[in-house]
Amino acid sequence: MAVGRFIGWVLLAAAFAVLAWEIWGAWQTGAFPIHAAGQVWYDLHRASLNGAQAAIQRYLLPSLWDPVIVTVLTWPAVLVLGVPGVVLTFLCRSRRGGRR
């Protein structure tokens, strides 16, 4: 459970970082940019994006990349990172009764 909670917090931190980047861009340009998850991944490390595509198409299922993952990569990065982060931190939370 601790690993899932940690991954959830890392995803939430990444979502907040992307949101801060978008707010900074809005402050600089006057328009609020919404960055797609694929664009953020490409900007951070394009070789890993190409490697993930090659690995998924070669070793898993070729049709998984184009309709499914490409669609997710076009969604806003804040949602792609934030929603799983919230779900993981909620599902992996400590369920102890009472306060310490």
PDB file of N, CA and C in Angstrom:
ATOM      1  N   MET A   1       0.807  -1.198   0.000  1.00  0.00           N
ATOM      2  CA  MET A   1       0.000   0.000   0.000  1.00  0.00           C
ATOM      3  C   MET A   1       0.854   1.269   0.000  1.00  0.00           C
ATOM      4  N   ALA A   2       1.988   1.214   0.655  1.00  0.00           N
ATOM      5  CA  ALA A   2       2.840   2.396   0.714  1.00  0.00           C
ATOM      6  C   ALA A   2       3.405   2.740  -0.657  1.00  0.00           C
ATOM      7  N   VAL A   3       3.689   1.732  -1.470  1.00  0.00           N
ATOM      8  CA  VAL A   3       4.225   1.991  -2.802  1.00  0.00           C
ATOM      9  C   VAL A   3       3.164   2.664  -3.673  1.00  0.00           C
ATOM     10  N   GLY A   4       1.941   2.184  -3.618  1.00  0.00           N
ATOM     11  CA  GLY A   4       0.859   2.800  -4.380  1.00  0.00           C
ATOM     12  C   GLY A   4       0.596   4.228  -3.952  1.00  0.00           C
ATOM     13  N   ARG A   5       0.645   4.469  -2.648  1.00  0.00           N
ATOM     14  CA  ARG A   5       0.443   5.828  -2.145  1.00  0.00           C
ATOM     15  C   ARG A   5       1.577   6.741  -2.601  1.00  0.00           C
ATOM     16  N   PHE A   6       2.822   6.217  -2.578  1.00  0.00           N
ATOM     17  CA  PHE A   6       3.964   7.005  -3.029  1.00  0.00           C
ATOM     18  C   PHE A   6       3.839   7.351  -4.511  1.00  0.00           C
ATOM     19  N   ILE A   7       3.479   6.363  -5.338  1.00  0.00           N
ATOM     20  CA  ILE A   7       3.303   6.613  -6.771  1.00  0.00           C
ATOM     21  C   ILE A   7       2.181   7.622  -6.997  1.00  0.00           C
ATOM     22  N   GLY A   8       1.111   7.522  -6.220  1.00  0.00           N
ATOM     23  CA  GLY A   8       0.021   8.485  -6.318  1.00  0.00           C
ATOM     24  C   GLY A   8       0.480   9.902  -6.019  1.00  0.00           C
ATOM     25  N   TRP A   9       1.284  10.050  -4.971  1.00  0.00           N
ATOM     26  CA  TRP A   9       1.785  11.389  -4.631  1.00  0.00           C
ATOM     27  C   TRP A   9       2.750  11.914  -5.685  1.00  0.00           C
ATOM     28  N   VAL A  10       3.545  11.028  -6.275  1.00  0.00           N
ATOM     29  CA  VAL A  10       4.454  11.459  -7.349  1.00  0.00           C
ATOM     30  C   VAL A  10       3.649  11.936  -8.557  1.00  0.00           C
ATOM     31  N   LEU A  11       2.592  11.189  -8.902  1.00  0.00           N
ATOM     32  CA  LEU A  11       1.738  11.616 -10.019  1.00  0.00           C
ATOM     33  C   LEU A  11       1.051  12.943  -9.724  1.00  0.00           C
ATOM     34  N   LEU A  12       0.597  13.127  -8.489  1.00  0.00           N
ATOM     35  CA  LEU A  12      -0.027  14.402  -8.124  1.00  0.00           C
ATOM     36  C   LEU A  12       0.980  15.551  -8.182  1.00  0.00           C
ATOM     37  N   ALA A  13       2.197  15.301  -7.733  1.00  0.00           N
ATOM     38  CA  ALA A  13       3.229  16.341  -7.804  1.00  0.00           C
ATOM     39  C   ALA A  13       3.536  16.703  -9.256  1.00  0.00           C
ATOM     40  N   ALA A  14       3.581  15.699 -10.129  1.00  0.00           N
ATOM     41  CA  ALA A  14       3.813  15.972 -11.547  1.00  0.00           C
ATOM     42  C   ALA A  14       2.646  16.750 -12.146  1.00  0.00           C
ATOM     43  N   ALA A  15       1.420  16.418 -11.747  1.00  0.00           N
ATOM     44  CA  ALA A  15       0.253  17.152 -12.249  1.00  0.00           C
ATOM     45  C   ALA A  15       0.294  18.602 -11.791  1.00  0.00           C
ATOM     46  N   PHE A  16       0.678  18.829 -10.544  1.00  0.00           N
ATOM     47  CA  PHE A  16       0.787  20.208 -10.059  1.00  0.00           C
ATOM     48  C   PHE A  16       1.916  20.958 -10.759  1.00  0.00           C
ATOM     49  N   ALA A  17       2.996  20.258 -11.094  1.00  0.00           N
ATOM     50  CA  ALA A  17       4.091  20.902 -11.829  1.00  0.00           C
ATOM     51  C   ALA A  17       3.633  21.323 -13.226  1.00  0.00           C
ATOM     52  N   VAL A  18       2.891  20.462 -13.892  1.00  0.00           N
ATOM     53  CA  VAL A  18       2.365  20.814 -15.224  1.00  0.00           C
ATOM     54  C   VAL A  18       1.376  21.961 -15.109  1.00  0.00           C
ATOM     55  N   LEU A  19       0.536  21.936 -14.084  1.00  0.00           N
ATOM     56  CA  LEU A  19      -0.410  23.026 -13.881  1.00  0.00           C
ATOM     57  C   LEU A  19       0.319  24.347 -13.625  1.00  0.00           C
ATOM     58  N   ALA A  20       1.383  24.304 -12.837  1.00  0.00           N
ATOM     59  CA  ALA A  20       2.172  25.518 -12.594  1.00  0.00           C
ATOM     60  C   ALA A  20       2.817  26.008 -13.881  1.00  0.00           C
ATOM     61  N   TRP A  21       3.274  25.082 -14.707  1.00  0.00           N
ATOM     62  CA  TRP A  21       3.866  25.445 -15.997  1.00  0.00           C
ATOM     63  C   TRP A  21       2.820  26.108 -16.893  1.00  0.00           C
ATOM     64  N   GLU A  22       1.603  25.589 -16.876  1.00  0.00           N
ATOM     65  CA  GLU A  22       0.536  26.187 -17.681  1.00  0.00           C
ATOM     66  C   GLU A  22       0.140  27.562 -17.145  1.00  0.00           C
ATOM     67  N   ILE A  23       0.092  27.715 -15.844  1.00  0.00           N
ATOM     68  CA  ILE A  23      -0.229  29.021 -15.252  1.00  0.00           C
ATOM     69  C   ILE A  23       0.877  30.024 -15.568  1.00  0.00           C
ATOM     70  N   TRP A  24       2.120  29.577 -15.510  1.00  0.00           N
ATOM     71  CA  TRP A  24       3.239  30.460 -15.851  1.00  0.00           C
ATOM     72  C   TRP A  24       3.137  30.899 -17.316  1.00  0.00           C
ATOM     73  N   GLY A  25       2.796  29.980 -18.193  1.00  0.00           N
ATOM     74  CA  GLY A  25       2.632  30.330 -19.604  1.00  0.00           C
ATOM     75  C   GLY A  25       1.479  31.287 -19.821  1.00  0.00           C
ATOM     76  N   ALA A  26       0.409  31.116 -19.049  1.00  0.00           N
ATOM     77  CA  ALA A  26      -0.728  32.031 -19.145  1.00  0.00           C
ATOM     78  C   ALA A  26      -0.334  33.422 -18.670  1.00  0.00           C
ATOM     79  N   TRP A  27       0.475  33.477 -17.637  1.00  0.00           N
ATOM     80  CA  TRP A  27       0.903  34.767 -17.124  1.00  0.00           C
ATOM     81  C   TRP A  27       1.840  35.464 -18.117  1.00  0.00           C
ATOM     82  N   GLN A  28       2.674  34.693 -18.798  1.00  0.00           N
ATOM     83  CA  GLN A  28       3.617  35.264 -19.749  1.00  0.00           C
ATOM     84  C   GLN A  28       2.942  35.717 -21.052  1.00  0.00           C
ATOM     85  N   THR A  29       2.016  34.913 -21.560  1.00  0.00           N
ATOM     86  CA  THR A  29       1.451  35.197 -22.878  1.00  0.00           C
ATOM     87  C   THR A  29       0.054  35.794 -22.838  1.00  0.00           C
ATOM     88  N   GLY A  30      -0.654  35.609 -21.754  1.00  0.00           N
ATOM     89  CA  GLY A  30      -2.016  36.098 -21.672  1.00  0.00           C
ATOM     90  C   GLY A  30      -3.051  35.081 -22.114  1.00  0.00           C
ATOM     91  N   ALA A  31      -2.609  33.962 -22.658  1.00  0.00           N
ATOM     92  CA  ALA A  31      -3.515  32.876 -23.066  1.00  0.00           C
ATOM     93  C   ALA A  31      -3.166  31.643 -22.254  1.00  0.00           C
ATOM     94  N   PHE A  32      -4.188  30.906 -21.850  1.00  0.00           N
ATOM     95  CA  PHE A  32      -3.957  29.733 -21.009  1.00  0.00           C
ATOM     96  C   PHE A  32      -3.698  28.513 -21.892  1.00  0.00           C
ATOM     97  N   PRO A  33      -2.441  28.058 -21.949  1.00  0.00           N
ATOM     98  CA  PRO A  33      -2.141  26.890 -22.787  1.00  0.00           C
ATOM     99  C   PRO A  33      -2.482  25.598 -22.051  1.00  0.00           C
ATOM    100  N   ILE A  34      -3.089  24.671 -22.746  1.00  0.00           N
ATOM    101  CA  ILE A  34      -3.353  23.347 -22.177  1.00  0.00           C
ATOM    102  C   ILE A  34      -2.420  22.388 -22.897  1.00  0.00           C
ATOM    103  N   HIS A  35      -1.500  21.807 -22.161  1.00  0.00           N
ATOM    104  CA  HIS A  35      -0.515  20.920 -22.764  1.00  0.00           C
ATOM    105  C   HIS A  35      -1.030  19.486 -22.775  1.00  0.00           C
ATOM    106  N   ALA A  36      -0.925  18.852 -23.924  1.00  0.00           N
ATOM    107  CA  ALA A  36      -1.303  17.447 -24.044  1.00  0.00           C
ATOM    108  C   ALA A  36      -0.234  16.583 -23.385  1.00  0.00           C
ATOM    109  N   ALA A  37      -0.647  15.424 -22.900  1.00  0.00           N
ATOM    110  CA  ALA A  37       0.282  14.529 -22.216  1.00  0.00           C
ATOM    111  C   ALA A  37       1.410  14.088 -23.142  1.00  0.00           C
ATOM    112  N   GLY A  38       1.093  13.817 -24.389  1.00  0.00           N
ATOM    113  CA  GLY A  38       2.120  13.413 -25.342  1.00  0.00           C
ATOM    114  C   GLY A  38       3.125  14.517 -25.615  1.00  0.00           C
ATOM    115  N   GLN A  39       2.672  15.760 -25.648  1.00  0.00           N
ATOM    116  CA  GLN A  39       3.587  16.879 -25.872  1.00  0.00           C
ATOM    117  C   GLN A  39       4.515  17.072 -24.675  1.00  0.00           C
ATOM    118  N   VAL A  40       3.978  16.923 -23.471  1.00  0.00           N
ATOM    119  CA  VAL A  40       4.815  17.046 -22.273  1.00  0.00           C
ATOM    120  C   VAL A  40       5.862  15.937 -22.257  1.00  0.00           C
ATOM    121  N   TRP A  41       5.436  14.701 -22.556  1.00  0.00           N
ATOM    122  CA  TRP A  41       6.372  13.582 -22.593  1.00  0.00           C
ATOM    123  C   TRP A  41       7.433  13.815 -23.656  1.00  0.00           C
ATOM    124  N   TYR A  42       7.023  14.297 -24.827  1.00  0.00           N
ATOM    125  CA  TYR A  42       7.966  14.570 -25.906  1.00  0.00           C
ATOM    126  C   TYR A  42       8.951  15.665 -25.506  1.00  0.00           C
ATOM    127  N   ASP A  43       8.475  16.705 -24.853  1.00  0.00           N
ATOM    128  CA  ASP A  43       9.358  17.791 -24.424  1.00  0.00           C
ATOM    129  C   ASP A  43      10.352  17.336 -23.366  1.00  0.00           C
ATOM    130  N   LEU A  44       9.930  16.424 -22.500  1.00  0.00           N
ATOM    131  CA  LEU A  44      10.818  15.974 -21.431  1.00  0.00           C
ATOM    132  C   LEU A  44      11.850  14.959 -21.917  1.00  0.00           C
ATOM    133  N   HIS A  45      11.414  13.955 -22.689  1.00  0.00           N
ATOM    134  CA  HIS A  45      12.347  12.917 -23.137  1.00  0.00           C
ATOM    135  C   HIS A  45      11.763  12.198 -24.347  1.00  0.00           C
ATOM    136  N   ARG A  46      12.075  12.712 -25.530  1.00  0.00           N
ATOM    137  CA  ARG A  46      11.456  12.167 -26.742  1.00  0.00           C
ATOM    138  C   ARG A  46      11.923  10.755 -27.062  1.00  0.00           C
ATOM    139  N   ALA A  47      13.136  10.397 -26.650  1.00  0.00           N
ATOM    140  CA  ALA A  47      13.624   9.049 -26.944  1.00  0.00           C
ATOM    141  C   ALA A  47      12.810   7.994 -26.199  1.00  0.00           C
ATOM    142  N   SER A  48      12.400   8.284 -24.980  1.00  0.00           N
ATOM    143  CA  SER A  48      11.606   7.305 -24.235  1.00  0.00           C
ATOM    144  C   SER A  48      10.204   7.173 -24.820  1.00  0.00           C
ATOM    145  N   LEU A  49       9.662   8.246 -25.369  1.00  0.00           N
ATOM    146  CA  LEU A  49       8.361   8.153 -26.032  1.00  0.00           C
ATOM    147  C   LEU A  49       8.456   7.255 -27.266  1.00  0.00           C
ATOM    148  N   ASN A  50       9.501   7.447 -28.057  1.00  0.00           N
ATOM    149  CA  ASN A  50       9.701   6.592 -29.227  1.00  0.00           C
ATOM    150  C   ASN A  50       9.972   5.149 -28.819  1.00  0.00           C
ATOM    151  N   GLY A  51      10.731   4.958 -27.743  1.00  0.00           N
ATOM    152  CA  GLY A  51      11.007   3.613 -27.262  1.00  0.00           C
ATOM    153  C   GLY A  51       9.762   2.919 -26.738  1.00  0.00           C
ATOM    154  N   ALA A  52       8.912   3.671 -26.052  1.00  0.00           N
ATOM    155  CA  ALA A  52       7.659   3.094 -25.543  1.00  0.00           C
ATOM    156  C   ALA A  52       6.766   2.681 -26.703  1.00  0.00           C
ATOM    157  N   GLN A  53       6.707   3.502 -27.720  1.00  0.00           N
ATOM    158  CA  GLN A  53       5.892   3.147 -28.887  1.00  0.00           C
ATOM    159  C   GLN A  53       6.420   1.876 -29.547  1.00  0.00           C
ATOM    160  N   ALA A  54       7.717   1.805 -29.741  1.00  0.00           N
ATOM    161  CA  ALA A  54       8.299   0.625 -30.388  1.00  0.00           C
ATOM    162  C   ALA A  54       8.082  -0.631 -29.544  1.00  0.00           C
ATOM    163  N   ALA A  55       8.271  -0.518 -28.240  1.00  0.00           N
ATOM    164  CA  ALA A  55       8.110  -1.685 -27.368  1.00  0.00           C
ATOM    165  C   ALA A  55       6.664  -2.163 -27.323  1.00  0.00           C
ATOM    166  N   ILE A  56       5.724  -1.232 -27.228  1.00  0.00           N
ATOM    167  CA  ILE A  56       4.312  -1.622 -27.173  1.00  0.00           C
ATOM    168  C   ILE A  56       3.877  -2.253 -28.484  1.00  0.00           C
ATOM    169  N   GLN A  57       4.287  -1.673 -29.592  1.00  0.00           N
ATOM    170  CA  GLN A  57       3.879  -2.223 -30.882  1.00  0.00           C
ATOM    171  C   GLN A  57       4.569  -3.551 -31.188  1.00  0.00           C
ATOM    172  N   ARG A  58       5.784  -3.734 -30.699  1.00  0.00           N
ATOM    173  CA  ARG A  58       6.514  -4.957 -31.017  1.00  0.00           C
ATOM    174  C   ARG A  58       6.199  -6.100 -30.052  1.00  0.00           C
ATOM    175  N   TYR A  59       6.125  -5.791 -28.752  1.00  0.00           N
ATOM    176  CA  TYR A  59       6.034  -6.863 -27.763  1.00  0.00           C
ATOM    177  C   TYR A  59       4.644  -7.054 -27.165  1.00  0.00           C
ATOM    178  N   LEU A  60       3.796  -6.059 -27.187  1.00  0.00           N
ATOM    179  CA  LEU A  60       2.469  -6.222 -26.598  1.00  0.00           C
ATOM    180  C   LEU A  60       1.413  -6.445 -27.674  1.00  0.00           C
ATOM    181  N   LEU A  61       0.863  -5.350 -28.143  1.00  0.00           N
ATOM    182  CA  LEU A  61      -0.213  -5.450 -29.127  1.00  0.00           C
ATOM    183  C   LEU A  61      -0.105  -4.231 -30.039  1.00  0.00           C
ATOM    184  N   PRO A  62       0.155  -4.423 -31.311  1.00  0.00           N
ATOM    185  CA  PRO A  62       0.341  -3.267 -32.202  1.00  0.00           C
ATOM    186  C   PRO A  62      -0.860  -2.328 -32.249  1.00  0.00           C
ATOM    187  N   SER A  63      -2.048  -2.878 -32.177  1.00  0.00           N
ATOM    188  CA  SER A  63      -3.229  -2.013 -32.250  1.00  0.00           C
ATOM    189  C   SER A  63      -3.520  -1.304 -30.926  1.00  0.00           C
ATOM    190  N   LEU A  64      -2.772  -1.615 -29.888  1.00  0.00           N
ATOM    191  CA  LEU A  64      -2.959  -0.919 -28.608  1.00  0.00           C
ATOM    192  C   LEU A  64      -2.428   0.508 -28.684  1.00  0.00           C
ATOM    193  N   TRP A  65      -1.352   0.713 -29.444  1.00  0.00           N
ATOM    194  CA  TRP A  65      -0.747   2.035 -29.485  1.00  0.00           C
ATOM    195  C   TRP A  65      -1.646   3.052 -30.170  1.00  0.00           C
ATOM    196  N   ASP A  66      -2.078   2.740 -31.378  1.00  0.00           N
ATOM    197  CA  ASP A  66      -2.747   3.767 -32.164  1.00  0.00           C
ATOM    198  C   ASP A  66      -4.117   4.163 -31.630  1.00  0.00           C
ATOM    199  N   PRO A  67      -5.076   3.327 -31.423  1.00  0.00           N
ATOM    200  CA  PRO A  67      -6.347   3.893 -30.966  1.00  0.00           C
ATOM    201  C   PRO A  67      -6.369   4.235 -29.477  1.00  0.00           C
ATOM    202  N   VAL A  68      -5.656   3.484 -28.648  1.00  0.00           N
ATOM    203  CA  VAL A  68      -5.809   3.665 -27.202  1.00  0.00           C
ATOM    204  C   VAL A  68      -4.806   4.676 -26.656  1.00  0.00           C
ATOM    205  N   ILE A  69      -3.525   4.375 -26.779  1.00  0.00           N
ATOM    206  CA  ILE A  69      -2.508   5.200 -26.134  1.00  0.00           C
ATOM    207  C   ILE A  69      -2.383   6.561 -26.814  1.00  0.00           C
ATOM    208  N   VAL A  70      -2.509   6.615 -28.118  1.00  0.00           N
ATOM    209  CA  VAL A  70      -2.452   7.908 -28.812  1.00  0.00           C
ATOM    210  C   VAL A  70      -3.606   8.803 -28.354  1.00  0.00           C
ATOM    211  N   THR A  71      -4.763   8.218 -28.122  1.00  0.00           N
ATOM    212  CA  THR A  71      -5.898   9.000 -27.624  1.00  0.00           C
ATOM    213  C   THR A  71      -5.603   9.566 -26.240  1.00  0.00           C
ATOM    214  N   VAL A  72      -5.040   8.744 -25.363  1.00  0.00           N
ATOM    215  CA  VAL A  72      -4.707   9.217 -24.012  1.00  0.00           C
ATOM    216  C   VAL A  72      -3.635  10.294 -24.073  1.00  0.00           C
ATOM    217  N   LEU A  73      -2.685  10.164 -24.987  1.00  0.00           N
ATOM    218  CA  LEU A  73      -1.620  11.160 -25.101  1.00  0.00           C
ATOM    219  C   LEU A  73      -2.120  12.500 -25.631  1.00  0.00           C
ATOM    220  N   THR A  74      -3.304  12.550 -26.205  1.00  0.00           N
ATOM    221  CA  THR A  74      -3.859  13.822 -26.657  1.00  0.00           C
ATOM    222  C   THR A  74      -4.662  14.518 -25.562  1.00  0.00           C
ATOM    223  N   TRP A  75      -4.942  13.833 -24.468  1.00  0.00           N
ATOM    224  CA  TRP A  75      -5.677  14.443 -23.361  1.00  0.00           C
ATOM    225  C   TRP A  75      -4.774  15.406 -22.594  1.00  0.00           C
ATOM    226  N   PRO A  76      -5.359  16.332 -21.833  1.00  0.00           N
ATOM    227  CA  PRO A  76      -4.542  17.262 -21.039  1.00  0.00           C
ATOM    228  C   PRO A  76      -3.673  16.516 -20.027  1.00  0.00           C
ATOM    229  N   ALA A  77      -2.426  16.938 -19.928  1.00  0.00           N
ATOM    230  CA  ALA A  77      -1.463  16.265 -19.053  1.00  0.00           C
ATOM    231  C   ALA A  77      -1.872  16.346 -17.587  1.00  0.00           C
ATOM    232  N   VAL A  78      -2.516  17.436 -17.197  1.00  0.00           N
ATOM    233  CA  VAL A  78      -2.944  17.571 -15.800  1.00  0.00           C
ATOM    234  C   VAL A  78      -3.929  16.460 -15.440  1.00  0.00           C
ATOM    235  N   LEU A  79      -4.827  16.133 -16.345  1.00  0.00           N
ATOM    236  CA  LEU A  79      -5.794  15.070 -16.076  1.00  0.00           C
ATOM    237  C   LEU A  79      -5.157  13.687 -16.154  1.00  0.00           C
ATOM    238  N   VAL A  80      -4.284  13.476 -17.128  1.00  0.00           N
ATOM    239  CA  VAL A  80      -3.651  12.166 -17.291  1.00  0.00           C
ATOM    240  C   VAL A  80      -2.781  11.832 -16.077  1.00  0.00           C
ATOM    241  N   LEU A  81      -2.168  12.831 -15.470  1.00  0.00           N
ATOM    242  CA  LEU A  81      -1.359  12.601 -14.280  1.00  0.00           C
ATOM    243  C   LEU A  81      -2.167  12.717 -12.994  1.00  0.00           C
ATOM    244  N   GLY A  82      -3.092  13.660 -12.942  1.00  0.00           N
ATOM    245  CA  GLY A  82      -3.805  13.940 -11.700  1.00  0.00           C
ATOM    246  C   GLY A  82      -4.857  12.920 -11.324  1.00  0.00           C
ATOM    247  N   VAL A  83      -5.626  12.440 -12.275  1.00  0.00           N
ATOM    248  CA  VAL A  83      -6.703  11.496 -11.959  1.00  0.00           C
ATOM    249  C   VAL A  83      -6.149  10.181 -11.408  1.00  0.00           C
ATOM    250  N   PRO A  84      -5.156   9.535 -12.061  1.00  0.00           N
ATOM    251  CA  PRO A  84      -4.599   8.330 -11.441  1.00  0.00           C
ATOM    252  C   PRO A  84      -3.916   8.614 -10.106  1.00  0.00           C
ATOM    253  N   GLY A  85      -3.334   9.810  -9.965  1.00  0.00           N
ATOM    254  CA  GLY A  85      -2.714  10.170  -8.690  1.00  0.00           C
ATOM    255  C   GLY A  85      -3.724  10.244  -7.567  1.00  0.00           C
ATOM    256  N   VAL A  86      -4.864  10.863  -7.829  1.00  0.00           N
ATOM    257  CA  VAL A  86      -5.922  10.948  -6.818  1.00  0.00           C
ATOM    258  C   VAL A  86      -6.465   9.561  -6.500  1.00  0.00           C
ATOM    259  N   VAL A  87      -6.688   8.761  -7.525  1.00  0.00           N
ATOM    260  CA  VAL A  87      -7.230   7.412  -7.309  1.00  0.00           C
ATOM    261  C   VAL A  87      -6.265   6.569  -6.489  1.00  0.00           C
ATOM    262  N   LEU A  88      -4.978   6.597  -6.818  1.00  0.00           N
ATOM    263  CA  LEU A  88      -4.008   5.799  -6.068  1.00  0.00           C
ATOM    264  C   LEU A  88      -3.866   6.264  -4.630  1.00  0.00           C
ATOM    265  N   THR A  89      -3.800   7.568  -4.403  1.00  0.00           N
ATOM    266  CA  THR A  89      -3.674   8.039  -3.023  1.00  0.00           C
ATOM    267  C   THR A  89      -4.923   7.739  -2.217  1.00  0.00           C
ATOM    268  N   PHE A  90      -6.085   7.725  -2.864  1.00  0.00           N
ATOM    269  CA  PHE A  90      -7.322   7.399  -2.157  1.00  0.00           C
ATOM    270  C   PHE A  90      -7.414   5.903  -1.857  1.00  0.00           C
ATOM    271  N   LEU A  91      -7.129   5.073  -2.865  1.00  0.00           N
ATOM    272  CA  LEU A  91      -7.258   3.630  -2.671  1.00  0.00           C
ATOM    273  C   LEU A  91      -6.181   3.049  -1.763  1.00  0.00           C
ATOM    274  N   CYS A  92      -5.012   3.656  -1.734  1.00  0.00           N
ATOM    275  CA  CYS A  92      -3.908   3.141  -0.942  1.00  0.00           C
ATOM    276  C   CYS A  92      -3.719   3.899   0.365  1.00  0.00           C
ATOM    277  N   ARG A  93      -4.717   4.604   0.794  1.00  0.00           N
ATOM    278  CA  ARG A  93      -4.587   5.377   2.021  1.00  0.00           C
ATOM    279  C   ARG A  93      -4.570   4.448   3.232  1.00  0.00           C
ATOM    280  N   SER A  94      -4.083   4.969   4.323  1.00  0.00           N
ATOM    281  CA  SER A  94      -4.058   4.219   5.572  1.00  0.00           C
ATOM    282  C   SER A  94      -5.464   4.134   6.125  1.00  0.00           C
ATOM    283  N   ARG A  95      -5.879   2.942   6.508  1.00  0.00           N
ATOM    284  CA  ARG A  95      -7.229   2.739   6.983  1.00  0.00           C
ATOM    285  C   ARG A  95      -7.287   2.454   8.472  1.00  0.00           C
ATOM    286  N   ARG A  96      -6.411   3.040   9.203  1.00  0.00           N
ATOM    287  CA  ARG A  96      -6.426   2.850  10.662  1.00  0.00           C
ATOM    288  C   ARG A  96      -7.560   3.648  11.276  1.00  0.00           C
ATOM    289  N   GLY A  97      -8.168   3.087  12.249  1.00  0.00           N
ATOM    290  CA  GLY A  97      -9.248   3.795  12.937  1.00  0.00           C
ATOM    291  C   GLY A  97      -8.700   4.702  14.025  1.00  0.00           C
ATOM    292  N   GLY A  98      -9.343   5.813  14.205  1.00  0.00           N
ATOM    293  CA  GLY A  98      -8.939   6.749  15.265  1.00  0.00           C
ATOM    294  C   GLY A  98      -7.757   7.606  14.875  1.00  0.00           C
ATOM    295  N   ARG A  99      -7.495   8.564  15.731  1.00  0.00           N
ATOM    296  CA  ARG A  99      -6.383   9.477  15.502  1.00  0.00           C
ATOM    297  C   ARG A  99      -5.201   9.080  16.357  1.00  0.00           C
ATOM    298  N   ARG A 100      -4.056   9.503  15.942  1.00  0.00           N
ATOM    299  CA  ARG A 100      -2.841   9.222  16.729  1.00  0.00           C
ATOM    300  C   ARG A 100      -2.644  10.264  17.774  1.00  0.00           C
TER     301      ARG A 100
END
